[in-house]
C-alpha atoms as a PDB file:
ATOM      1  CA  MET A   1    -167.296 -17.573  -9.633  1.00  0.00           C
ATOM      2  CA  THR A   2    -164.031 -16.243 -10.940  1.00  0.00           C
ATOM      3  CA  ASP A   3    -160.719 -17.306 -12.277  1.00  0.00           C
ATOM      4  CA  ALA A   4    -160.091 -19.247  -9.126  1.00  0.00           C
ATOM      5  CA  PHE A   5    -162.454 -22.038 -10.628  1.00  0.00           C
ATOM      6  CA  PRO A   6    -162.553 -23.273 -14.083  1.00  0.00           C
ATOM      7  CA  PHE A   7    -166.089 -22.237 -14.812  1.00  0.00           C
ATOM      8  CA  SER A   8    -165.610 -18.363 -14.298  1.00  0.00           C
ATOM      9  CA  ALA A   9    -166.615 -15.292 -15.804  1.00  0.00           C
ATOM     10  CA  VAL A  10    -165.148 -11.909 -14.554  1.00  0.00           C
ATOM     11  CA  ASP A  11    -164.824  -8.656 -16.283  1.00  0.00           C
ATOM     12  CA  SER A  12    -161.677  -8.259 -18.213  1.00  0.00           C
ATOM     13  CA  ALA A  13    -161.159  -4.972 -16.452  1.00  0.00           C
ATOM     14  CA  THR A  14    -161.982  -3.219 -13.073  1.00  0.00           C
ATOM     15  CA  ALA A  15    -163.258   0.346 -13.084  1.00  0.00           C
ATOM     16  CA  LEU A  16    -161.947   2.135 -10.083  1.00  0.00           C
ATOM     17  CA  PRO A  17    -163.747   5.254  -8.423  1.00  0.00           C
ATOM     18  CA  ASN A  18    -160.275   6.797  -7.599  1.00  0.00           C
ATOM     19  CA  GLY A  19    -159.424   7.062 -11.302  1.00  0.00           C
ATOM     20  CA  GLU A  20    -156.657   4.404 -11.409  1.00  0.00           C
ATOM     21  CA  ALA A  21    -156.013   2.744 -14.799  1.00  0.00           C
ATOM     22  CA  PRO A  22    -157.597  -0.547 -15.320  1.00  0.00           C
ATOM     23  CA  ALA A  23    -155.494  -3.709 -15.695  1.00  0.00           C
ATOM     24  CA  PRO A  24    -157.217  -6.004 -18.001  1.00  0.00           C
ATOM     25  CA  LEU A  25    -156.887  -9.494 -16.794  1.00  0.00           C
ATOM     26  CA  GLY A  26    -153.958 -11.321 -18.650  1.00  0.00           C
ATOM     27  CA  SER A  27    -152.333  -7.955 -19.612  1.00  0.00           C
ATOM     28  CA  ASP A  28    -148.786  -6.958 -19.031  1.00  0.00           C
ATOM     29  CA  ALA A  29    -150.193  -4.439 -16.690  1.00  0.00           C
ATOM     30  CA  HIS A  30    -151.933  -7.086 -14.785  1.00  0.00           C
ATOM     31  CA  LYS A  31    -148.854  -9.220 -14.458  1.00  0.00           C
ATOM     32  CA  ARG A  32    -146.753  -6.341 -13.234  1.00  0.00           C
ATOM     33  CA  LEU A  33    -149.747  -5.378 -10.707  1.00  0.00           C
ATOM     34  CA  PHE A  34    -149.949  -8.784  -9.159  1.00  0.00           C
ATOM     35  CA  CYS A  35    -146.118  -9.412  -9.137  1.00  0.00           C
ATOM     36  CA  ARG A  36    -145.122  -6.175  -7.877  1.00  0.00           C
ATOM     37  CA  THR A  37    -147.790  -6.346  -5.103  1.00  0.00           C
ATOM     38  CA  LEU A  38    -146.331  -9.729  -3.935  1.00  0.00           C
ATOM     39  CA  LEU A  39    -142.856  -8.317  -4.244  1.00  0.00           C
ATOM     40  CA  ASP A  40    -143.294  -4.685  -2.758  1.00  0.00           C
ATOM     41  CA  THR A  41    -145.091  -6.070   0.356  1.00  0.00           C
ATOM     42  CA  HIS A  42    -142.440  -8.528   1.418  1.00  0.00           C
ATOM     43  CA  ASP A  43    -141.738  -8.493   5.181  1.00  0.00           C
ATOM     44  CA  PRO A  44    -137.965  -9.120   5.754  1.00  0.00           C
ATOM     45  CA  TYR A  45    -138.400 -10.606   9.176  1.00  0.00           C
ATOM     46  CA  ARG A  46    -136.207 -13.376  10.234  1.00  0.00           C
ATOM     47  CA  PRO A  47    -137.490 -16.296  12.147  1.00  0.00           C
ATOM     48  CA  ALA A  48    -134.041 -16.876  13.825  1.00  0.00           C
ATOM     49  CA  VAL A  49    -134.485 -13.566  15.946  1.00  0.00           C
ATOM     50  CA  ILE A  50    -138.105 -13.986  16.745  1.00  0.00           C
ATOM     51  CA  ASP A  51    -138.689 -13.572  20.530  1.00  0.00           C
ATOM     52  CA  TRP A  52    -141.075 -16.072  21.363  1.00  0.00           C
ATOM     53  CA  PRO A  53    -143.276 -15.097  24.278  1.00  0.00           C
ATOM     54  CA  LYS A  54    -143.029 -16.797  27.594  1.00  0.00           C
ATOM     55  CA  LEU A  55    -146.317 -18.686  28.192  1.00  0.00           C
ATOM     56  CA  ASP A  56    -147.878 -19.857  31.467  1.00  0.00           C
ATOM     57  CA  GLU A  57    -148.167 -23.626  31.870  1.00  0.00           C
ATOM     58  CA  GLU A  58    -152.134 -23.663  31.020  1.00  0.00           C
ATOM     59  CA  THR A  59    -151.619 -21.502  27.871  1.00  0.00           C
ATOM     60  CA  ARG A  60    -148.743 -23.700  26.744  1.00  0.00           C
ATOM     61  CA  GLY A  61    -150.453 -26.812  27.457  1.00  0.00           C
ATOM     62  CA  LYS A  62    -153.351 -25.760  25.357  1.00  0.00           C
ATOM     63  CA  ILE A  63    -151.082 -24.815  22.405  1.00  0.00           C
ATOM     64  CA  VAL A  64    -149.284 -28.023  22.680  1.00  0.00           C
ATOM     65  CA  SER A  65    -152.345 -29.964  22.672  1.00  0.00           C
ATOM     66  CA  LEU A  66    -153.550 -28.585  19.263  1.00  0.00           C
ATOM     67  CA  PRO A  67    -153.425 -31.461  16.596  1.00  0.00           C
ATOM     68  CA  ILE A  68    -151.936 -29.368  13.876  1.00  0.00           C
ATOM     69  CA  TRP A  69    -148.191 -28.715  14.048  1.00  0.00           C
ATOM     70  CA  ASP A  70    -147.123 -31.999  12.324  1.00  0.00           C
ATOM     71  CA  MET A  71    -149.418 -31.201   9.638  1.00  0.00           C
ATOM     72  CA  ALA A  72    -148.628 -27.463   9.480  1.00  0.00           C
ATOM     73  CA  VAL A  73    -144.857 -28.048   9.170  1.00  0.00           C
ATOM     74  CA  ALA A  74    -145.404 -30.784   6.439  1.00  0.00           C
ATOM     75  CA  THR A  75    -147.763 -28.617   4.602  1.00  0.00           C
ATOM     76  CA  GLU A  76    -145.263 -25.772   4.505  1.00  0.00           C
ATOM     77  CA  GLY A  77    -142.109 -27.906   3.718  1.00  0.00           C
ATOM     78  CA  ARG A  78    -144.340 -29.339   0.683  1.00  0.00           C
ATOM     79  CA  ALA A  79    -145.680 -25.977  -0.379  1.00  0.00           C
ATOM     80  CA  GLY A  80    -141.920 -24.562  -0.355  1.00  0.00           C
ATOM     81  CA  ILE A  81    -140.599 -27.353  -2.769  1.00  0.00           C
ATOM     82  CA  ASN A  82    -143.744 -27.115  -4.907  1.00  0.00           C
ATOM     83  CA  VAL A  83    -143.716 -23.512  -5.573  1.00  0.00           C
ATOM     84  CA  GLY A  84    -139.947 -23.278  -5.782  1.00  0.00           C
ATOM     85  CA  THR A  85    -139.916 -26.014  -8.446  1.00  0.00           C
ATOM     86  CA  TYR A  86    -142.539 -24.238 -10.621  1.00  0.00           C
ATOM     87  CA  GLY A  87    -140.697 -21.078 -10.417  1.00  0.00           C
ATOM     88  CA  GLU A  88    -137.311 -22.631 -11.722  1.00  0.00           C
ATOM     89  CA  GLU A  89    -139.042 -23.036 -15.135  1.00  0.00           C
ATOM     90  CA  MET A  90    -140.264 -19.580 -15.343  1.00  0.00           C
ATOM     91  CA  ALA A  91    -138.846 -17.691 -18.398  1.00  0.00           C
ATOM     92  CA  ASP A  92    -140.409 -14.417 -17.586  1.00  0.00           C
ATOM     93  CA  PRO A  93    -137.954 -12.619 -15.237  1.00  0.00           C
ATOM     94  CA  LEU A  94    -140.675 -10.901 -13.212  1.00  0.00           C
ATOM     95  CA  LEU A  95    -142.762 -13.995 -12.685  1.00  0.00           C
ATOM     96  CA  ARG A  96    -139.678 -15.907 -11.828  1.00  0.00           C
ATOM     97  CA  GLU A  97    -138.688 -13.192  -9.102  1.00  0.00           C
ATOM     98  CA  ALA A  98    -142.342 -13.224  -7.603  1.00  0.00           C
ATOM     99  CA  ILE A  99    -142.656 -17.012  -7.463  1.00  0.00           C
ATOM    100  CA  ALA A 100    -139.208 -17.316  -5.899  1.00  0.00           C
ATOM    101  CA  LEU A 101    -140.179 -15.026  -3.135  1.00  0.00           C
ATOM    102  CA  ASP A 102    -143.317 -16.896  -2.745  1.00  0.00           C
ATOM    103  CA  ALA A 103    -141.460 -20.024  -2.246  1.00  0.00           C
ATOM    104  CA  TYR A 104    -138.966 -18.200   0.048  1.00  0.00           C
ATOM    105  CA  GLU A 105    -141.772 -17.286   2.197  1.00  0.00           C
ATOM    106  CA  GLU A 106    -143.326 -20.682   2.278  1.00  0.00           C
ATOM    107  CA  ARG A 107    -139.954 -22.259   3.436  1.00  0.00           C
ATOM    108  CA  ARG A 108    -139.743 -19.445   5.972  1.00  0.00           C
ATOM    109  CA  HIS A 109    -143.226 -20.410   7.171  1.00  0.00           C
ATOM    110  CA  LYS A 110    -141.791 -23.881   8.089  1.00  0.00           C
ATOM    111  CA  THR A 111    -138.853 -22.355   9.880  1.00  0.00           C
ATOM    112  CA  VAL A 112    -141.060 -20.179  11.891  1.00  0.00           C
ATOM    113  CA  LEU A 113    -143.186 -23.262  12.841  1.00  0.00           C
ATOM    114  CA  SER A 114    -139.939 -25.262  13.589  1.00  0.00           C
ATOM    115  CA  HIS A 115    -138.455 -22.719  15.966  1.00  0.00           C
ATOM    116  CA  MET A 116    -141.994 -22.365  17.682  1.00  0.00           C
ATOM    117  CA  VAL A 117    -142.323 -25.935  18.279  1.00  0.00           C
ATOM    118  CA  ALA A 118    -138.715 -26.034  19.716  1.00  0.00           C
ATOM    119  CA  ALA A 119    -139.425 -22.938  21.885  1.00  0.00           C
ATOM    120  CA  TYR A 120    -142.469 -24.720  23.370  1.00  0.00           C
ATOM    121  CA  GLY A 121    -141.333 -28.307  23.556  1.00  0.00           C
ATOM    122  CA  ILE A 122    -143.992 -29.631  21.014  1.00  0.00           C
ATOM    123  CA  GLU A 123    -142.869 -33.067  20.085  1.00  0.00           C
ATOM    124  CA  LEU A 124    -143.318 -33.754  16.122  1.00  0.00           C
ATOM    125  CA  ALA A 125    -143.554 -36.904  14.201  1.00  0.00           C
ATOM    126  CA  PRO A 126    -140.371 -37.409  11.853  1.00  0.00           C
ATOM    127  CA  GLU A 127    -141.002 -35.327   8.878  1.00  0.00           C
ATOM    128  CA  PRO A 128    -141.844 -36.973   5.459  1.00  0.00           C
ATOM    129  CA  PRO A 129    -139.598 -36.450   2.563  1.00  0.00           C
ATOM    130  CA  TYR A 130    -140.433 -33.552   0.114  1.00  0.00           C
ATOM    131  CA  PRO A 131    -139.591 -34.816  -3.401  1.00  0.00           C
ATOM    132  CA  ARG A 132    -139.415 -32.522  -6.347  1.00  0.00           C
ATOM    133  CA  PRO A 133    -142.882 -32.878  -8.182  1.00  0.00           C
ATOM    134  CA  ARG A 134    -142.828 -34.619 -11.357  1.00  0.00           C
ATOM    135  CA  ASP A 135    -145.386 -32.014 -12.732  1.00  0.00           C
ATOM    136  CA  PRO A 136    -144.406 -28.620 -11.310  1.00  0.00           C
ATOM    137  CA  GLU A 137    -147.634 -26.748 -12.685  1.00  0.00           C
ATOM    138  CA  TRP A 138    -149.657 -29.531 -11.397  1.00  0.00           C
ATOM    139  CA  ALA A 139    -147.912 -29.182  -7.854  1.00  0.00           C
ATOM    140  CA  PHE A 140    -148.049 -25.294  -8.028  1.00  0.00           C
ATOM    141  CA  MET A 141    -151.792 -25.325  -8.677  1.00  0.00           C
ATOM    142  CA  ARG A 142    -152.493 -27.882  -5.998  1.00  0.00           C
ATOM    143  CA  THR A 143    -150.494 -25.726  -3.379  1.00  0.00           C
ATOM    144  CA  GLY A 144    -152.218 -22.522  -4.410  1.00  0.00           C
ATOM    145  CA  TYR A 145    -155.878 -23.737  -4.431  1.00  0.00           C
ATOM    146  CA  SER A 146    -155.157 -25.748  -1.167  1.00  0.00           C
ATOM    147  CA  GLU A 147    -154.185 -22.484   0.436  1.00  0.00           C
ATOM    148  CA  CYS A 148    -157.293 -20.678  -1.027  1.00  0.00           C
ATOM    149  CA  ILE A 149    -159.293 -23.173   1.202  1.00  0.00           C
ATOM    150  CA  ASP A 150    -157.158 -23.323   4.061  1.00  0.00           C
ATOM    151  CA  SER A 151    -156.630 -19.533   4.496  1.00  0.00           C
ATOM    152  CA  PHE A 152    -160.177 -18.832   4.407  1.00  0.00           C
ATOM    153  CA  PHE A 153    -160.839 -21.099   7.472  1.00  0.00           C
ATOM    154  CA  GLY A 154    -157.493 -20.182   8.903  1.00  0.00           C
ATOM    155  CA  PHE A 155    -158.159 -16.431   9.038  1.00  0.00           C
ATOM    156  CA  GLY A 156    -161.423 -17.041  10.841  1.00  0.00           C
ATOM    157  CA  LEU A 157    -159.870 -19.451  13.284  1.00  0.00           C
ATOM    158  CA  PHE A 158    -157.099 -17.129  14.123  1.00  0.00           C
ATOM    159  CA  LYS A 159    -159.626 -14.432  14.705  1.00  0.00           C
ATOM    160  CA  ILE A 160    -161.481 -16.816  17.125  1.00  0.00           C
ATOM    161  CA  ALA A 161    -158.140 -17.749  18.897  1.00  0.00           C
ATOM    162  CA  LYS A 162    -157.345 -14.179  19.441  1.00  0.00           C
ATOM    163  CA  ASP A 163    -160.822 -13.058  20.603  1.00  0.00           C
ATOM    164  CA  SER A 164    -161.304 -15.959  22.934  1.00  0.00           C
ATOM    165  CA  GLY A 165    -157.959 -15.579  24.649  1.00  0.00           C
ATOM    166  CA  PHE A 166    -156.679 -18.938  23.278  1.00  0.00           C
ATOM    167  CA  PHE A 167    -153.667 -17.372  21.824  1.00  0.00           C
ATOM    168  CA  PRO A 168    -152.381 -14.511  24.109  1.00  0.00           C
ATOM    169  CA  PRO A 169    -151.900 -11.152  22.519  1.00  0.00           C
ATOM    170  CA  GLU A 170    -148.059 -11.466  22.262  1.00  0.00           C
ATOM    171  CA  LEU A 171    -148.263 -14.866  20.427  1.00  0.00           C
ATOM    172  CA  VAL A 172    -151.031 -13.294  17.991  1.00  0.00           C
ATOM    173  CA  ASP A 173    -148.447 -10.530  17.253  1.00  0.00           C
ATOM    174  CA  THR A 174    -145.794 -13.076  16.552  1.00  0.00           C
ATOM    175  CA  PHE A 175    -147.880 -14.844  14.170  1.00  0.00           C
ATOM    176  CA  GLU A 176    -149.416 -11.920  12.488  1.00  0.00           C
ATOM    177  CA  PRO A 177    -146.812 -11.655   9.556  1.00  0.00           C
ATOM    178  CA  VAL A 178    -147.536 -15.259   8.767  1.00  0.00           C
ATOM    179  CA  MET A 179    -151.251 -14.535   8.361  1.00  0.00           C
ATOM    180  CA  ARG A 180    -150.613 -11.471   6.215  1.00  0.00           C
ATOM    181  CA  GLU A 181    -148.283 -13.530   3.952  1.00  0.00           C
ATOM    182  CA  GLU A 182    -151.079 -16.154   3.604  1.00  0.00           C
ATOM    183  CA  GLY A 183    -153.326 -13.502   2.068  1.00  0.00           C
ATOM    184  CA  ARG A 184    -150.673 -12.190  -0.152  1.00  0.00           C
ATOM    185  CA  HIS A 185    -149.874 -15.711  -1.595  1.00  0.00           C
ATOM    186  CA  ILE A 186    -153.549 -16.698  -2.296  1.00  0.00           C
ATOM    187  CA  LEU A 187    -154.038 -13.134  -3.876  1.00  0.00           C
ATOM    188  CA  PHE A 188    -150.964 -13.624  -6.060  1.00  0.00           C
ATOM    189  CA  PHE A 189    -152.051 -17.066  -6.977  1.00  0.00           C
ATOM    190  CA  VAL A 190    -155.515 -16.351  -8.401  1.00  0.00           C
ATOM    191  CA  ASN A 191    -154.452 -13.521 -10.343  1.00  0.00           C
ATOM    192  CA  TRP A 192    -151.661 -15.777 -11.792  1.00  0.00           C
ATOM    193  CA  VAL A 193    -154.377 -18.159 -12.858  1.00  0.00           C
ATOM    194  CA  ALA A 194    -156.379 -15.515 -14.517  1.00  0.00           C
ATOM    195  CA  TRP A 195    -153.418 -14.147 -16.125  1.00  0.00           C
ATOM    196  CA  TRP A 196    -151.978 -17.535 -17.521  1.00  0.00           C
ATOM    197  CA  ARG A 197    -155.401 -18.546 -18.591  1.00  0.00           C
ATOM    198  CA  ARG A 198    -155.524 -15.706 -21.029  1.00  0.00           C
ATOM    199  CA  THR A 199    -152.010 -15.657 -22.080  1.00  0.00           C
ATOM    200  CA  MET A 200    -151.114 -19.239 -22.636  1.00  0.00           C
ATOM    201  CA  PRO A 201    -151.129 -20.861 -26.263  1.00  0.00           C
ATOM    202  CA  TRP A 202    -154.512 -21.936 -27.090  1.00  0.00           C
ATOM    203  CA  TRP A 203    -153.729 -25.474 -27.586  1.00  0.00           C
ATOM    204  CA  ARG A 204    -152.608 -25.652 -23.941  1.00  0.00           C
ATOM    205  CA  ARG A 205    -155.732 -24.375 -22.596  1.00  0.00           C
ATOM    206  CA  PRO A 206    -157.829 -27.559 -22.741  1.00  0.00           C
ATOM    207  CA  TRP A 207    -155.196 -29.618 -20.727  1.00  0.00           C
ATOM    208  CA  PHE A 208    -154.916 -26.834 -18.191  1.00  0.00           C
ATOM    209  CA  GLU A 209    -158.638 -26.449 -17.532  1.00  0.00           C
ATOM    210  CA  LEU A 210    -158.649 -30.236 -16.981  1.00  0.00           C
ATOM    211  CA  LYS A 211    -155.942 -29.833 -14.468  1.00  0.00           C
ATOM    212  CA  VAL A 212    -157.762 -27.199 -12.769  1.00  0.00           C
ATOM    213  CA  ILE A 213    -160.811 -29.487 -12.424  1.00  0.00           C
ATOM    214  CA  ALA A 214    -158.715 -32.286 -11.378  1.00  0.00           C
ATOM    215  CA  VAL A 215    -156.985 -30.482  -8.513  1.00  0.00           C
ATOM    216  CA  TRP A 216    -160.219 -28.959  -7.246  1.00  0.00           C
ATOM    217  CA  PHE A 217    -161.701 -32.734  -7.399  1.00  0.00           C
ATOM    218  CA  PHE A 218    -158.671 -33.844  -5.528  1.00  0.00           C
ATOM    219  CA  LEU A 219    -158.890 -31.130  -2.914  1.00  0.00           C
ATOM    220  CA  ILE A 220    -162.513 -31.665  -2.102  1.00  0.00           C
ATOM    221  CA  TRP A 221    -162.242 -35.497  -2.060  1.00  0.00           C
ATOM    222  CA  GLU A 222    -159.159 -35.014   0.399  1.00  0.00           C
ATOM    223  CA  ARG A 223    -161.214 -32.947   2.702  1.00  0.00           C
ATOM    224  CA  ILE A 224    -164.325 -35.142   2.476  1.00  0.00           C
ATOM    225  CA  ASP A 225    -162.041 -38.133   3.477  1.00  0.00           C
ATOM    226  CA  MET A 226    -160.608 -35.962   6.209  1.00  0.00           C
ATOM    227  CA  ALA A 227    -164.249 -35.360   7.561  1.00  0.00           C
ATOM    228  CA  LYS A 228    -165.040 -39.040   7.339  1.00  0.00           C
ATOM    229  CA  GLY A 229    -162.082 -40.027   9.288  1.00  0.00           C
ATOM    230  CA  MET A 230    -162.668 -37.414  11.978  1.00  0.00           C
ATOM    231  CA  GLY A 231    -162.388 -39.259  15.563  1.00  0.00           C
ATOM    232  CA  ASP A 232    -160.934 -42.446  14.264  1.00  0.00           C
ATOM    233  CA  ASN A 233    -157.385 -41.510  15.064  1.00  0.00           C
ATOM    234  CA  SER A 234    -155.241 -38.375  15.907  1.00  0.00           C
ATOM    235  CA  LYS A 235    -154.084 -38.024  12.555  1.00  0.00           C
ATOM    236  CA  ALA A 236    -157.419 -37.685  11.216  1.00  0.00           C
ATOM    237  CA  GLN A 237    -158.375 -35.089  13.954  1.00  0.00           C
ATOM    238  CA  GLU A 238    -155.192 -33.226  12.792  1.00  0.00           C
ATOM    239  CA  ASN A 239    -156.153 -33.196   9.174  1.00  0.00           C
ATOM    240  CA  ASN A 240    -159.731 -32.078  10.004  1.00  0.00           C
ATOM    241  CA  PHE A 241    -158.613 -29.029  12.141  1.00  0.00           C
ATOM    242  CA  THR A 242    -159.563 -26.290   9.345  1.00  0.00           C
ATOM    243  CA  LEU A 243    -162.954 -27.909   9.311  1.00  0.00           C
ATOM    244  CA  ASN A 244    -163.549 -28.136  13.048  1.00  0.00           C
ATOM    245  CA  GLY A 245    -160.921 -26.081  14.436  1.00  0.00           C
ATOM    246  CA  SER A 246    -163.257 -23.892  16.826  1.00  0.00           C
ATOM    247  CA  LYS A 247    -163.807 -27.043  19.095  1.00  0.00           C
ATOM    248  CA  GLU A 248    -160.229 -27.435  19.449  1.00  0.00           C
ATOM    249  CA  LEU A 249    -159.854 -23.861  20.431  1.00  0.00           C
ATOM    250  CA  GLY A 250    -162.494 -24.447  23.057  1.00  0.00           C
ATOM    251  CA  VAL A 251    -165.077 -22.404  21.596  1.00  0.00           C
ATOM    252  CA  GLU A 252    -168.642 -23.739  21.030  1.00  0.00           C
ATOM    253  CA  ILE A 253    -169.740 -22.081  17.590  1.00  0.00           C
ATOM    254  CA  SER A 254    -172.218 -23.010  14.999  1.00  0.00           C
ATOM    255  CA  PHE A 255    -171.330 -23.398  11.464  1.00  0.00           C
ATOM    256  CA  PRO A 256    -173.280 -20.157  10.455  1.00  0.00           C
ATOM    257  CA  GLU A 257    -171.379 -18.227  12.983  1.00  0.00           C
ATOM    258  CA  LEU A 258    -168.057 -19.800  11.767  1.00  0.00           C
ATOM    259  CA  ALA A 259    -168.660 -19.207   8.344  1.00  0.00           C
ATOM    260  CA  ARG A 260    -169.637 -15.406   8.879  1.00  0.00           C
ATOM    261  CA  ILE A 261    -166.361 -14.904  10.793  1.00  0.00           C
ATOM    262  CA  CYS A 262    -164.321 -16.620   7.912  1.00  0.00           C
ATOM    263  CA  LEU A 263    -166.154 -14.362   5.347  1.00  0.00           C
ATOM    264  CA  ALA A 264    -165.521 -11.109   7.453  1.00  0.00           C
ATOM    265  CA  GLU A 265    -161.888 -12.014   8.151  1.00  0.00           C
ATOM    266  CA  ASN A 266    -161.208 -13.004   4.478  1.00  0.00           C
ATOM    267  CA  ASP A 267    -162.626  -9.643   3.315  1.00  0.00           C
ATOM    268  CA  ARG A 268    -160.650  -7.633   6.017  1.00  0.00           C
ATOM    269  CA  ARG A 269    -157.295  -9.265   5.272  1.00  0.00           C
ATOM    270  CA  LEU A 270    -157.574  -8.877   1.364  1.00  0.00           C
ATOM    271  CA  ALA A 271    -159.170  -5.279   1.672  1.00  0.00           C
ATOM    272  CA  PRO A 272    -155.859  -3.381   1.758  1.00  0.00           C
ATOM    273  CA  TYR A 273    -154.553  -4.596  -1.429  1.00  0.00           C
ATOM    274  CA  ASP A 274    -155.211  -3.026  -4.943  1.00  0.00           C
ATOM    275  CA  LYS A 275    -158.724  -3.259  -6.003  1.00  0.00           C
ATOM    276  CA  ARG A 276    -157.799  -4.037  -9.592  1.00  0.00           C
ATOM    277  CA  LEU A 277    -156.590  -7.557  -8.346  1.00  0.00           C
ATOM    278  CA  ILE A 278    -159.304 -10.195  -8.335  1.00  0.00           C
ATOM    279  CA  ARG A 279    -159.885 -12.014  -5.113  1.00  0.00           C
ATOM    280  CA  PRO A 280    -160.251 -15.646  -4.461  1.00  0.00           C
ATOM    281  CA  ARG A 281    -164.102 -16.023  -4.614  1.00  0.00           C
ATOM    282  CA  PHE A 282    -164.914 -19.723  -4.966  1.00  0.00           C
ATOM    283  CA  VAL A 283    -164.667 -20.692  -1.368  1.00  0.00           C
ATOM    284  CA  PRO A 284    -166.388 -17.444   0.016  1.00  0.00           C
ATOM    285  CA  ALA A 285    -169.249 -18.080  -2.781  1.00  0.00           C
ATOM    286  CA  MET A 286    -169.624 -21.717  -1.375  1.00  0.00           C
ATOM    287  CA  MET A 287    -169.850 -20.530   2.092  1.00  0.00           C
ATOM    288  CA  ARG A 288    -172.341 -17.841   1.151  1.00  0.00           C
ATOM    289  CA  LEU A 289    -174.346 -20.416  -0.466  1.00  0.00           C
ATOM    290  CA  ALA A 290    -174.161 -22.574   2.315  1.00  0.00           C
ATOM    291  CA  LEU A 291    -175.513 -19.771   4.772  1.00  0.00           C
ATOM    292  CA  ARG A 292    -178.224 -19.096   2.346  1.00  0.00           C
ATOM    293  CA  PHE A 293    -179.299 -22.772   2.425  1.00  0.00           C
ATOM    294  CA  ALA A 294    -178.898 -22.835   6.198  1.00  0.00           C
ATOM    295  CA  GLY A 295    -180.991 -19.907   6.655  1.00  0.00           C
ATOM    296  CA  GLY A 296    -183.722 -21.286   4.341  1.00  0.00           C
ATOM    297  CA  LYS A 297    -183.659 -24.502   6.090  1.00  0.00           C
ATOM    298  CA  LYS A 298    -183.907 -22.780   9.553  1.00  0.00           C
ATOM    299  CA  ALA A 299    -186.890 -20.833   8.219  1.00  0.00           C
ATOM    300  CA  GLY A 300    -188.526 -23.996   6.835  1.00  0.00           C
ATOM    301  CA  ALA A 301    -188.229 -25.673  10.075  1.00  0.00           C
ATOM    302  CA  SER A 302    -189.652 -22.985  12.193  1.00  0.00           C
ATOM    303  CA  ALA A 303    -192.792 -22.523   9.843  1.00  0.00           C
END
């Protein structure tokens, strides 16, 4: 467990073999590290000048048929307003700058997707409204924890789509900057949680911890509800893509195989960043627990 979940225990500083100075969680050094990591690794690509690769009809048909595009555009639109609204109330100039960049990149993801669906003739349902959240902190946390879940599975599914040839190499290269940004966002978020938990006034912490628990219960219930609705209608299939996406990619793969791919990709994508930054660990820990349970169950069945 780590600061990505309420009941966490991590070291206050990480000792590094290369002699770098530790950054105790909650310190000014820690804040500078996770903010500067986000700011200094920004990729200034412009969605308007992306040259979308031409696809043959079979490949285009497979991509158009994926039941994710409405959800993806709406999710990024909601993330942009949620993150941006929270950043507006930041008094700390460095945090304000970093969260503003995070919000800009979320909005840019929506623009990239909008250009892609236009390039390939994908029809979308009318977009929902994106109202400003009444509780900016709750909305920021909901977006951050949701990205920790969805990015973990998204990294693995992107790897499967690449290796299976479902996404041609040109399209993989086009989407790679978006995938890198998702990794940067969740890294920033879990370190913000760790920093804020240690620096907030003591009287705010009980309410904050209740919010964290409530967000997790909300997200877990949301995904259980998605799984229950799978197969009932196209919207349920769309919402359940992160849980069952390998079938949509035309790849028959067992849950343990999918979990191992997601774990490896999650580690690979976060490995380049400073080792003093904590990583999201709750979802990977749950997947490792599930793998141990699945392995024990299999061994028991064969005994």
